[in-house]
Protein backbone atom coordinates (compact mmCIF):
# COMPACT_ATOMS: atom_id res chain seq x y z
CA UNK A 1 98.88 174.96 15.99
CA UNK A 2 98.00 171.69 14.53
CA UNK A 3 100.98 170.06 16.05
CA UNK A 4 99.73 170.87 19.56
CA UNK A 5 96.12 169.83 18.90
CA UNK A 6 97.04 166.63 17.13
CA UNK A 7 100.14 165.03 18.73
CA UNK A 8 102.19 162.79 16.46
CA UNK A 9 103.63 159.32 17.24
CA UNK A 10 106.93 160.96 18.05
CA UNK A 11 105.21 163.10 20.66
CA UNK A 12 103.77 159.96 22.35
CA UNK A 13 107.18 158.31 22.31
CA UNK A 14 108.73 161.36 23.93
CA UNK A 15 106.01 161.44 26.62
CA UNK A 16 106.47 157.69 27.32
CA UNK A 17 110.20 158.04 27.43
CA UNK A 18 109.83 160.88 29.92
CA UNK A 19 107.43 158.93 32.15
CA UNK A 20 109.64 155.80 32.17
CA UNK A 21 112.89 157.65 32.66
CA UNK A 22 114.19 156.77 29.24
CA UNK A 23 112.87 153.18 29.25
CA UNK A 24 111.19 153.49 25.89
CA UNK A 25 114.51 153.37 24.15
CA UNK A 26 115.46 150.10 25.77
CA UNK A 27 116.46 151.35 29.27
CA UNK A 28 113.88 148.98 30.79
CA UNK A 29 115.69 145.88 29.64
CA UNK A 30 117.81 144.04 32.23
CA UNK A 31 116.05 145.74 35.18
CA UNK A 32 113.71 144.60 37.94
CA UNK A 33 110.53 146.69 37.85
CA UNK A 34 107.15 146.68 39.56
CA UNK A 35 104.02 145.69 37.65
CA UNK A 36 100.33 145.07 38.23
CA UNK A 37 98.52 141.82 37.47
CA UNK A 38 95.70 142.71 35.07
CA UNK A 39 94.50 139.18 34.37
CA UNK A 40 95.15 135.48 35.08
CA UNK A 41 94.79 133.37 31.98
CA UNK A 42 95.12 129.60 32.37
CA UNK A 43 98.62 129.07 33.82
CA UNK A 44 99.93 132.58 33.19
CA UNK A 45 99.60 136.00 34.78
CA UNK A 46 99.19 139.08 32.53
CA UNK A 47 101.28 141.92 33.99
CA UNK A 48 101.35 145.62 33.11
CA UNK A 49 104.70 147.23 33.87
CA UNK A 50 103.89 150.54 32.09
CA UNK A 51 105.23 149.55 28.70
CA UNK A 52 103.21 149.90 25.52
CA UNK A 53 102.36 146.22 25.82
CA UNK A 54 101.79 143.83 28.67
CA UNK A 55 103.77 140.69 29.40
CA UNK A 56 102.89 137.15 30.45
CA UNK A 57 104.62 135.18 33.21
CA UNK A 58 103.99 131.51 34.12
CA UNK A 59 102.21 131.18 37.47
CA UNK A 60 104.72 128.55 38.67
CA UNK A 61 107.34 131.29 38.82
CA UNK A 62 105.41 132.95 41.62
CA UNK A 63 105.36 129.96 43.97
CA UNK A 64 107.88 127.78 45.80
CA UNK A 65 108.01 124.21 44.50
CA UNK A 66 104.93 122.34 45.60
CA UNK A 67 103.25 125.50 46.91
CA UNK A 68 100.23 127.51 45.45
CA UNK A 69 100.98 130.85 43.77
CA UNK A 70 98.31 132.82 45.73
CA UNK A 71 98.01 135.61 43.12
CA UNK A 72 94.99 137.78 42.37
CA UNK A 73 94.15 140.43 39.75
CA UNK A 74 95.37 143.81 40.96
CA UNK A 75 98.34 142.41 42.93
CA UNK A 76 101.59 144.31 42.53
CA UNK A 77 104.63 142.12 41.78
CA UNK A 78 108.26 142.57 40.83
CA UNK A 79 109.45 141.14 37.53
CA UNK A 80 112.59 141.20 35.45
CA UNK A 81 112.41 142.78 31.94
CA UNK A 82 114.26 140.60 29.49
CA UNK A 83 113.05 142.52 26.40
CA UNK A 84 110.68 145.45 25.98
CA UNK A 85 108.98 143.83 23.00
CA UNK A 86 109.21 140.44 21.36
CA UNK A 87 108.06 139.29 17.92
CA UNK A 88 104.45 139.23 19.12
CA UNK A 89 104.69 142.76 20.41
CA UNK A 90 104.60 141.62 24.07
CA UNK A 91 107.01 142.51 26.86
CA UNK A 92 109.29 139.60 27.84
CA UNK A 93 109.05 139.38 31.64
CA UNK A 94 110.45 136.91 34.20
CA UNK A 95 109.48 136.49 37.81
CA UNK A 96 112.26 133.92 38.34
CA UNK A 97 114.93 136.39 37.23
CA UNK A 98 113.46 139.06 39.47
CA UNK A 99 113.37 136.74 42.44
CA UNK A 100 116.88 135.57 41.64
CA UNK A 101 118.32 139.04 41.59
CA UNK A 102 116.52 139.99 44.78
CA UNK A 103 117.47 136.70 46.36
CA UNK A 104 121.16 137.13 45.58
CA UNK A 105 121.15 140.58 47.21
CA UNK A 106 119.50 139.15 50.31
CA UNK A 107 121.63 135.99 50.42
CA UNK A 108 124.88 137.94 50.17
CA UNK A 109 123.83 139.99 53.15
CA UNK A 110 122.76 136.92 55.17
CA UNK A 111 125.90 134.99 54.22
CA UNK A 112 128.06 137.85 55.44
CA UNK A 113 126.22 137.82 58.77
CA UNK A 114 126.34 134.00 59.07
CA UNK A 115 122.57 133.71 59.19
CA UNK A 116 120.54 130.67 58.22
CA UNK A 117 118.41 130.91 55.07
CA UNK A 118 115.14 129.22 54.13
CA UNK A 119 114.91 127.04 51.06
CA UNK A 120 113.23 124.06 49.43
CA UNK A 121 114.89 120.91 48.06
CA UNK A 122 113.31 120.50 44.63
CA UNK A 123 115.61 118.37 42.48
CA UNK A 124 118.33 115.75 42.36
CA UNK A 125 121.67 116.20 40.58
CA UNK A 126 124.93 114.32 40.47
CA UNK A 127 126.50 114.31 43.94
CA UNK A 128 123.59 115.98 45.68
CA UNK A 129 120.42 118.05 45.31
CA UNK A 130 119.18 121.47 44.12
CA UNK A 131 117.66 123.92 46.58
CA UNK A 132 115.47 126.92 45.79
CA UNK A 133 116.48 129.83 48.03
CA UNK A 134 113.54 132.06 47.16
CA UNK A 135 114.66 132.36 43.54
CA UNK A 136 118.36 131.55 43.71
CA UNK A 137 119.30 127.94 43.03
CA UNK A 138 121.85 126.38 45.39
CA UNK A 139 123.67 123.02 45.48
CA UNK A 140 123.22 120.72 48.50
CA UNK A 141 125.96 118.00 48.60
CA UNK A 142 124.75 114.53 49.58
CA UNK A 143 127.03 114.53 52.63
CA UNK A 144 125.39 117.73 53.90
CA UNK A 145 121.80 116.49 53.90
CA UNK A 146 121.79 115.01 57.41
CA UNK A 147 124.03 114.09 60.34
CA UNK A 148 123.66 110.42 59.43
CA UNK A 149 123.43 109.01 55.88
CA UNK A 150 119.89 109.31 54.49
CA UNK A 151 118.69 106.55 52.18
CA UNK A 152 115.48 108.27 51.03
CA UNK A 153 115.46 112.06 50.61
CA UNK A 154 111.95 112.18 49.13
CA UNK A 155 110.27 113.06 52.48
CA UNK A 156 112.59 116.10 52.73
CA UNK A 157 111.78 117.51 49.30
CA UNK A 158 109.36 120.40 48.59
CA UNK A 159 109.33 121.36 52.27
CA UNK A 160 110.56 124.80 53.40
CA UNK A 161 113.42 124.33 55.86
CA UNK A 162 116.53 126.19 57.05
CA UNK A 163 119.99 125.86 55.47
CA UNK A 164 123.44 127.23 56.15
CA UNK A 165 125.35 128.83 53.25
CA UNK A 166 128.82 127.32 53.05
CA UNK A 167 130.05 129.15 49.94
CA UNK A 168 128.70 131.50 47.28
CA UNK A 169 130.07 133.14 44.13
CA UNK A 170 127.66 135.57 42.40
CA UNK A 171 129.85 136.03 39.37
CA UNK A 172 129.72 132.29 38.65
CA UNK A 173 126.24 131.88 40.05
CA UNK A 174 127.37 129.19 42.55
CA UNK A 175 125.88 128.67 46.01
CA UNK A 176 126.64 125.67 48.27
CA UNK A 177 124.42 125.05 51.30
CA UNK A 178 124.24 122.58 54.17
CA UNK A 179 121.29 121.18 56.06
CA UNK A 180 123.58 119.08 58.27
CA UNK A 181 125.30 122.17 59.74
CA UNK A 182 121.92 123.47 60.91
CA UNK A 183 121.03 120.10 62.47
CA UNK A 184 124.39 119.83 64.23
CA UNK A 185 124.10 123.32 65.61
CA UNK A 186 120.56 122.66 66.76
CA UNK A 187 121.54 119.35 68.31
CA UNK A 188 124.50 120.96 70.06
CA UNK A 189 122.19 123.55 71.53
CA UNK A 190 119.81 120.84 72.62
CA UNK A 191 122.64 118.73 74.05
CA UNK A 192 123.96 121.69 76.01
CA UNK A 193 120.52 122.21 77.45
CA UNK A 194 120.09 118.55 78.31
CA UNK A 195 123.61 118.14 79.70
CA UNK A 196 123.08 121.11 81.99
CA UNK A 197 120.32 119.07 83.63
CA UNK A 198 122.58 116.05 84.24
CA UNK A 199 125.23 115.46 86.90
CA UNK A 200 127.97 112.89 87.48
CA UNK A 201 126.81 110.16 89.82
CA UNK A 202 123.17 110.62 88.80
CA UNK A 203 121.12 107.46 88.26
CA UNK A 204 118.83 107.63 85.25
CA UNK A 205 116.77 105.37 82.97
CA UNK A 206 117.64 105.13 79.29
CA UNK A 207 116.82 103.15 76.17
CA UNK A 208 119.46 101.15 74.28
CA UNK A 209 119.67 102.66 70.76
CA UNK A 210 122.68 100.93 69.26
CA UNK A 211 125.15 98.16 70.16
CA UNK A 212 128.78 97.90 69.03
CA UNK A 213 131.64 95.55 69.88
CA UNK A 214 132.92 97.93 72.53
CA UNK A 215 129.65 98.99 74.17
CA UNK A 216 126.17 100.42 73.68
CA UNK A 217 124.66 103.87 73.08
CA UNK A 218 121.84 104.70 75.45
CA UNK A 219 119.25 107.43 74.79
CA UNK A 220 118.82 109.50 77.94
CA UNK A 221 115.92 111.50 76.54
CA UNK A 222 117.30 113.38 73.57
CA UNK A 223 120.98 112.86 74.30
CA UNK A 224 123.07 109.69 73.99
CA UNK A 225 125.55 108.29 76.47
CA UNK A 226 128.11 105.51 75.96
CA UNK A 227 127.86 102.43 78.14
CA UNK A 228 131.25 100.74 77.70
CA UNK A 229 131.39 96.95 77.79
CA UNK A 230 133.74 97.04 80.80
CA UNK A 231 131.17 99.04 82.77
CA UNK A 232 128.25 96.68 82.13
CA UNK A 233 129.11 94.10 84.76
CA UNK A 234 131.84 93.07 87.18
CA UNK A 235 131.93 89.67 85.52
CA UNK A 236 133.58 89.11 82.14
CA UNK A 237 131.45 90.31 79.20
CA UNK A 238 132.75 89.21 75.79
CA UNK A 239 130.12 91.16 73.83
CA UNK A 240 127.47 93.70 74.96
CA UNK A 241 124.62 91.64 73.51
CA UNK A 242 125.29 89.07 76.25
CA UNK A 243 123.84 91.61 78.70
CA UNK A 244 121.51 93.98 76.79
CA UNK A 245 119.56 94.27 73.55
CA UNK A 246 118.47 97.18 71.36
CA UNK A 247 115.25 98.67 72.73
CA UNK A 248 115.90 97.58 76.32
CA UNK A 249 115.19 100.12 79.06
CA UNK A 250 118.16 100.11 81.42
CA UNK A 251 119.04 101.88 84.64
CA UNK A 252 122.47 103.48 84.43
CA UNK A 253 124.68 105.79 86.43
CA UNK A 254 126.41 108.81 84.88
CA UNK A 255 130.10 108.16 85.46
CA UNK A 256 131.60 111.15 83.66
CA UNK A 257 130.48 114.19 81.63
CA UNK A 258 132.97 115.85 79.30
CA UNK A 259 131.74 119.41 78.91
CA UNK A 260 134.13 120.15 76.02
CA UNK A 261 133.18 117.17 73.84
CA UNK A 262 129.70 116.81 75.38
CA UNK A 263 130.27 113.09 75.77
CA UNK A 264 128.62 111.16 78.55
CA UNK A 265 130.04 107.92 80.00
CA UNK A 266 127.59 105.53 81.65
CA UNK A 267 127.86 102.49 83.88
CA UNK A 268 125.64 99.65 85.03
CA UNK A 269 127.97 97.70 87.30
CA UNK A 270 128.38 100.78 89.48
CA UNK A 271 124.82 100.16 90.70
CA UNK A 272 125.89 96.75 92.07
CA UNK A 273 127.99 95.96 95.14
CA UNK A 274 131.70 95.61 94.31
CA UNK A 275 132.69 91.95 94.69
CA UNK A 276 136.37 92.94 95.02
CA UNK A 277 135.82 94.54 98.42
CA UNK A 278 137.52 92.36 101.03
CA UNK A 279 138.74 89.92 98.38
CA UNK A 280 142.17 89.50 100.03
CA UNK A 281 140.58 88.20 103.22
CA UNK A 282 138.12 86.06 101.32
CA UNK A 283 140.78 84.43 99.13
CA UNK A 284 143.98 84.11 101.19
CA UNK A 285 147.22 82.99 99.56
CA UNK A 286 147.47 79.21 99.61
CA UNK A 287 143.71 78.64 99.67
CA UNK A 288 142.39 75.87 97.42
CA UNK A 289 139.36 77.00 95.39
CA UNK A 290 136.96 75.63 92.78
CA UNK A 291 136.24 77.69 89.65
CA UNK A 292 135.23 77.65 86.00
CA UNK A 293 137.49 78.48 83.05
CA UNK A 294 135.95 81.52 81.29
CA UNK A 295 138.61 82.54 78.78
CA UNK A 296 141.82 81.11 77.31
CA UNK A 297 144.67 83.22 75.92
CA UNK A 298 148.22 82.64 74.72
CA UNK A 299 149.59 83.46 78.17
CA UNK A 300 147.15 81.53 80.35
CA UNK A 301 143.53 80.94 81.34
CA UNK A 302 141.04 83.02 83.34
CA UNK A 303 139.10 81.19 86.04
CA UNK A 304 135.91 82.63 87.55
CA UNK A 305 135.82 82.10 91.31
CA UNK A 306 132.47 83.85 91.74
CA UNK A 307 130.38 86.30 89.72
CA UNK A 308 132.62 89.29 89.01
CA UNK A 309 135.81 87.72 90.42
CA UNK A 310 138.29 86.13 88.02
CA UNK A 311 141.84 85.02 88.51
CA UNK A 312 144.57 84.28 85.99
CA UNK A 313 146.38 80.96 85.80
CA UNK A 314 149.59 81.83 83.98
CA UNK A 315 150.77 79.26 81.46
CA UNK A 316 153.79 78.54 83.67
CA UNK A 317 151.46 77.56 86.54
CA UNK A 318 149.23 75.20 84.55
CA UNK A 319 151.10 71.89 84.54
CA UNK A 320 154.08 70.32 86.27
CA UNK A 321 155.12 68.35 83.23
CA UNK A 322 153.66 70.02 80.11
CA UNK A 323 156.05 72.84 79.28
CA UNK A 324 155.72 75.31 76.39
CA UNK A 325 152.23 74.05 75.60
CA UNK A 326 149.28 76.29 74.64
CA UNK A 327 146.85 76.63 77.58
CA UNK A 328 144.04 75.43 75.32
CA UNK A 329 145.66 71.98 75.25
CA UNK A 330 145.55 71.74 79.04
CA UNK A 331 142.12 73.21 79.87
CA UNK A 332 138.98 74.14 77.94
CA UNK A 333 136.39 76.90 78.31
CA UNK A 334 133.63 76.12 80.84
CA UNK A 335 135.77 73.40 82.43
CA UNK A 336 135.57 73.22 86.24
CA UNK A 337 139.00 73.20 87.89
CA UNK A 338 140.64 73.31 91.32
CA UNK A 339 143.20 76.09 91.79
CA UNK A 340 145.47 77.47 94.49
CA UNK A 341 145.67 81.21 95.28
CA UNK A 342 149.25 82.38 94.64
CA UNK A 343 148.90 86.16 94.94
CA UNK A 344 146.16 88.77 95.47
CA UNK A 345 146.43 92.44 94.42
CA UNK A 346 143.21 94.18 95.49
CA UNK A 347 144.27 97.58 94.11
CA UNK A 348 144.89 96.24 90.62
CA UNK A 349 142.00 93.74 90.94
CA UNK A 350 144.22 90.82 90.10
CA UNK A 351 144.39 87.31 91.52
CA UNK A 352 147.16 84.94 90.44
CA UNK A 353 146.16 81.30 90.56
CA UNK A 354 148.01 78.01 90.18
CA UNK A 355 146.49 74.96 88.55
CA UNK A 356 149.43 72.61 88.98
CA UNK A 357 149.74 73.44 92.67
CA UNK A 358 146.30 71.90 93.25
CA UNK A 359 147.78 68.51 92.28
CA UNK A 360 150.68 66.70 93.95
CA UNK A 361 154.13 67.51 92.63
CA UNK A 362 154.92 64.49 90.42
CA UNK A 363 158.60 64.64 91.41
CA UNK A 364 157.68 64.47 95.09
CA UNK A 365 155.28 61.65 94.29
CA UNK A 366 158.00 59.81 92.36
CA UNK A 367 160.55 60.28 95.15
CA UNK A 368 158.10 58.85 97.69
CA UNK A 369 157.28 55.86 95.51
CA UNK A 370 160.79 55.23 94.11
CA UNK A 371 163.56 56.02 96.62
CA UNK A 372 167.23 56.13 95.61
CA UNK A 373 168.42 52.64 94.77
CA UNK A 374 165.08 51.33 93.54
CA UNK A 375 164.67 49.89 90.05
CA UNK A 376 162.28 51.45 87.55
CA UNK A 377 161.10 50.64 84.04
CA UNK A 378 160.53 53.16 81.29
CA UNK A 379 160.55 53.95 77.59
CA UNK A 380 163.42 55.80 75.91
CA UNK A 381 161.80 59.12 74.99
CA UNK A 382 164.80 60.84 73.50
CA UNK A 383 168.54 60.41 73.03
CA UNK A 384 170.84 63.42 73.24
CA UNK A 385 174.58 63.87 72.92
CA UNK A 386 174.99 63.46 76.68
CA UNK A 387 172.48 60.77 77.61
CA UNK A 388 169.05 59.14 77.42
CA UNK A 389 165.71 60.51 78.65
CA UNK A 390 163.44 57.81 80.05
CA UNK A 391 159.68 58.23 80.50
CA UNK A 392 158.63 57.27 84.05
CA UNK A 393 155.50 57.00 86.19
CA UNK A 394 153.63 60.26 86.81
CA UNK A 395 154.45 61.65 83.35
CA UNK A 396 157.97 62.62 84.43
CA UNK A 397 161.28 61.92 82.71
CA UNK A 398 164.53 60.68 84.14
CA UNK A 399 167.96 61.02 82.56
CA UNK A 400 170.66 58.38 82.21
CA UNK A 401 173.99 60.11 81.63
CA UNK A 402 176.05 58.53 78.88
CA UNK A 403 178.64 57.51 81.47
CA UNK A 404 175.99 55.54 83.38
CA UNK A 405 174.70 53.47 80.47
CA UNK A 406 177.31 50.66 80.38
CA UNK A 407 180.68 49.64 81.82
CA UNK A 408 183.84 49.32 79.78
CA UNK A 409 182.84 51.32 76.68
CA UNK A 410 182.80 54.99 75.72
CA UNK A 411 179.71 57.14 76.19
CA UNK A 412 179.09 57.40 72.44
CA UNK A 413 179.24 53.65 72.03
CA UNK A 414 176.89 53.22 74.98
CA UNK A 415 174.36 55.65 73.46
CA UNK A 416 174.44 53.71 70.22
CA UNK A 417 173.19 50.61 72.06
CA UNK A 418 169.73 52.06 72.61
CA UNK A 419 167.00 53.56 70.43
CA UNK A 420 163.91 55.70 70.92
CA UNK A 421 160.84 53.73 72.05
CA UNK A 422 162.88 50.95 73.67
CA UNK A 423 161.77 49.69 77.11
CA UNK A 424 164.69 49.74 79.58
CA UNK A 425 165.38 49.23 83.28
CA UNK A 426 167.39 51.61 85.43
CA UNK A 427 168.27 52.38 89.03
CA UNK A 428 167.27 55.65 90.68
CA UNK A 429 170.50 57.47 91.53
CA UNK A 430 169.08 60.81 92.70
CA UNK A 431 165.81 62.83 92.75
CA UNK A 432 166.04 66.63 92.96
CA UNK A 433 162.44 67.75 93.54
CA UNK A 434 163.30 71.45 93.51
CA UNK A 435 165.09 71.31 90.16
CA UNK A 436 162.65 68.68 88.83
CA UNK A 437 165.43 66.27 87.91
CA UNK A 438 165.71 62.50 88.22
CA UNK A 439 169.10 60.88 87.67
CA UNK A 440 169.09 57.24 86.58
CA UNK A 441 171.75 54.60 85.98
CA UNK A 442 171.61 51.54 83.78
CA UNK A 443 175.10 50.09 84.18
CA UNK A 444 174.55 49.87 87.95
CA UNK A 445 172.18 46.97 87.25
CA UNK A 446 175.02 44.94 85.74
CA UNK A 447 176.48 42.10 87.80
CA UNK A 448 179.33 43.24 90.03
CA UNK A 449 178.47 46.94 89.70
CA UNK A 450 178.99 49.22 92.75
CA UNK A 451 176.05 49.27 95.12
CA UNK A 452 173.92 52.42 94.88
CA UNK A 453 173.25 54.06 98.23
CA UNK A 454 176.27 52.48 100.00
CA UNK A 455 179.03 54.28 101.94
CA UNK A 456 180.80 57.22 100.37
CA UNK A 457 184.16 55.42 100.24
CA UNK A 458 183.09 51.98 99.01
CA UNK A 459 183.31 51.07 95.35
CA UNK A 460 182.18 47.43 95.56
CA UNK A 461 183.61 45.32 92.72
CA UNK A 462 186.35 47.78 91.81
CA UNK A 463 187.61 47.97 95.38
CA UNK A 464 188.30 51.70 95.02
CA UNK A 465 188.25 53.95 98.00
CA UNK A 466 189.06 57.56 98.68
CA UNK A 467 192.78 58.55 98.37
CA UNK A 468 193.64 55.44 96.31
CA UNK A 469 196.14 56.16 93.53
CA UNK A 470 195.32 54.13 90.43
CA UNK A 471 196.22 53.99 86.77
CA UNK A 472 193.33 55.10 84.57
CA UNK A 473 192.72 54.94 80.83
CA UNK A 474 191.26 57.96 79.00
CA UNK A 475 187.91 57.09 77.40
CA UNK A 476 186.92 60.56 76.20
CA UNK A 477 188.47 64.04 76.02
CA UNK A 478 186.04 66.92 76.72
CA UNK A 479 186.41 70.68 77.17
CA UNK A 480 185.66 70.29 80.88
CA UNK A 481 188.00 67.35 81.52
CA UNK A 482 188.56 63.65 80.89
CA UNK A 483 186.27 60.64 81.11
CA UNK A 484 188.48 57.80 82.40
CA UNK A 485 188.27 54.15 83.50
CA UNK A 486 190.20 52.56 86.36
CA UNK A 487 192.19 49.52 85.21
CA UNK A 488 191.15 47.53 82.20
CA UNK A 489 187.58 46.86 83.27
CA UNK A 490 187.03 48.99 86.35
CA UNK A 491 184.78 51.84 87.35
CA UNK A 492 184.53 54.87 85.12
CA UNK A 493 184.95 58.35 86.49
CA UNK A 494 185.85 61.90 85.58
CA UNK A 495 188.87 64.16 85.97
CA UNK A 496 187.88 67.81 85.95
CA UNK A 497 189.94 70.27 83.95
CA UNK A 498 191.27 71.92 87.12
CA UNK A 499 192.42 68.51 88.42
CA UNK A 500 194.58 67.65 85.39
CA UNK A 501 197.69 69.25 86.92
CA UNK A 502 199.06 71.87 89.29
CA UNK A 503 200.08 74.34 86.59
CA UNK A 504 197.69 76.03 84.17
CA UNK A 505 199.53 74.62 81.14
CA UNK A 506 198.97 71.12 82.50
CA UNK A 507 195.20 71.73 82.79
CA UNK A 508 194.50 71.70 79.06
CA UNK A 509 192.42 68.60 78.11
CA UNK A 510 193.71 68.79 74.53
CA UNK A 511 197.14 67.62 75.86
CA UNK A 512 195.67 64.14 76.25
CA UNK A 513 194.42 61.48 73.86
CA UNK A 514 191.88 58.68 74.09
CA UNK A 515 193.58 55.46 75.20
CA UNK A 516 196.37 57.26 77.04
CA UNK A 517 197.09 56.03 80.58
CA UNK A 518 197.96 58.17 83.60
CA UNK A 519 198.04 57.91 87.38
CA UNK A 520 195.34 59.72 89.41
CA UNK A 521 194.04 59.77 92.96
CA UNK A 522 190.46 58.95 93.97
CA UNK A 523 189.16 62.10 95.63
CA UNK A 524 185.59 60.94 96.31
CA UNK A 525 182.38 59.64 94.79
CA UNK A 526 179.40 61.49 93.29
CA UNK A 527 175.73 60.84 94.08
CA UNK A 528 175.67 57.86 91.73
CA UNK A 529 178.81 56.53 93.47
CA UNK A 530 181.00 57.16 90.47
CA UNK A 531 184.61 57.86 91.49
CA UNK A 532 186.15 61.27 90.97
CA UNK A 533 189.84 61.27 90.00
CA UNK A 534 192.53 63.99 90.25
CA UNK A 535 196.05 64.14 88.84
CA UNK A 536 196.65 67.34 90.78
CA UNK A 537 195.71 65.69 94.09
CA UNK A 538 198.09 62.82 93.34
CA UNK A 539 200.91 65.29 92.62
CA UNK A 540 200.29 67.19 95.87
CA UNK A 541 200.05 63.95 97.85
CA UNK A 542 203.36 62.66 96.48
CA UNK A 543 205.01 66.00 97.21
CA UNK A 544 203.77 65.90 100.79
CA UNK A 545 205.02 62.33 101.29
CA UNK A 546 208.41 63.24 99.88
CA UNK A 547 208.75 66.17 102.23
CA UNK A 548 207.76 64.05 105.23
CA UNK A 549 210.10 61.20 104.28
CA UNK A 550 213.26 63.14 103.33
CA UNK A 551 212.80 66.47 104.99
CA UNK A 552 214.23 65.52 108.43
CA UNK A 553 217.37 63.66 107.28
CA UNK A 554 218.24 66.06 104.43
CA UNK A 555 217.47 69.36 106.04
CA UNK A 556 219.91 71.19 103.84
CA UNK A 557 218.60 69.76 100.60
CA UNK A 558 216.34 71.73 98.30
CA UNK A 559 212.74 70.76 97.57
CA UNK A 560 213.82 69.64 94.11
CA UNK A 561 216.47 67.37 95.60
CA UNK A 562 213.93 65.90 97.97
CA UNK A 563 211.43 65.22 95.26
CA UNK A 564 214.10 63.79 92.99
CA UNK A 565 215.25 61.42 95.69
CA UNK A 566 211.69 60.40 96.44
CA UNK A 567 210.95 59.63 92.82
CA UNK A 568 214.19 57.66 92.48
CA UNK A 569 213.39 55.63 95.58
CA UNK A 570 209.90 54.94 94.24
CA UNK A 571 211.34 53.60 90.99
CA UNK A 572 213.77 51.38 92.84
């Protein structure tokens, strides 16, 4: 049988198809198969996968980027069959496709288990880098390269290193990996190990790695701790670089370890003796001290009494005379000053100091130098609706009430006689040190004016005395009463609203007009010896006299009859 002795081409095809499980008809295509390297020609490997022709695969497909291929003739490798035969009659094989398919199978398994995978950064793309995961190409975002921003990634390229798969989609061929996640996990493990060897209160040496406005980070041998600016020294530290510099080796104490956040708080001042111990006994209230201004704020100035001990001079305690002024206009930084201790709170580490208390009270000084009745000179600082403010010795002001400017004219007219900046003379009428007030009078310097400091009943030129009933002329009508003048050119005084009459209706100042005359009784004199008048007191006095005069002879008469008779007799 010729057919058996001489097989035809169809017989060979059937035998090949049988040996390859049907691959001869194209079943090989799209599969990963094993082949043997039969030769290495230049930059390609010749591989026999059992097809009627061999295939060629570039050697670079058998090595990781930057690594040698390490292949030899006779080695068995896995390749992917793109086509059984191309135009040249060769099999189209791909090692990359084979590795990719195998890699995807492996990566899906490792991703599901949360395992790290090895890869090599081999290229740069928009927004990040490409990573070869043993055949599968993954994307490494720029933010996932390192814990801190990396300026130059070149040293990290073409080096096998671990990555963490963040996301993968085989259908779309997308894989996203992170190198940062691996570093953070490794660092966390290292930190946990290092922290377990540390304890609160422990004293340890460290190296300053970084300085910020609020403190410094100190390397404790693989783990960083924060040295806050407030824990660097007991004295005021405006910026950490006043105390330490990057690269300095410092001795610190571990103040606190947060096991949850793995943060370590450090301190340097805790290694020094606390200057606040016994501070209350050292700086008793009332003690006068010498210090240096270290800081100025809107609300006051801080004064250093010794290293680590500062007190606050509140703006209200800075000057006797300069009110509502920024502290920087009274003192300056580094200025040496004398202060008085006002209050000490050891628990809150606060000392309240007074700057003005270290100098003599200018009102006390003025009162000692210028007693009541003495004459002073000063410049008109300001004119208000009720008087003049006069600048006096010791940087204090005195006030001349409008009624004490001149005799015989209204307060408004008297104010109009003087202007700001004018030099005037006045008499000291009263000094109230506690209220920081000085009352002055100018009309008292006029010839024939009442003597200041005399008896309470005397009224000098006017001849007024307490309980006198006189006719007064209204000079001014105010809400609180009437400004009046006795006679045509006598002393001026005031009738309070409540003294305008016995009944409430009579006590309305708007019932009266300037220039109107009325009878009133002198009830006394104020500190400046101005008379006080009262219509009500005059009414009560007249009623009392009437009762005394007519009450005994007209016992049966009514009070109205008595008063009527008294008034009639007075007219007669």
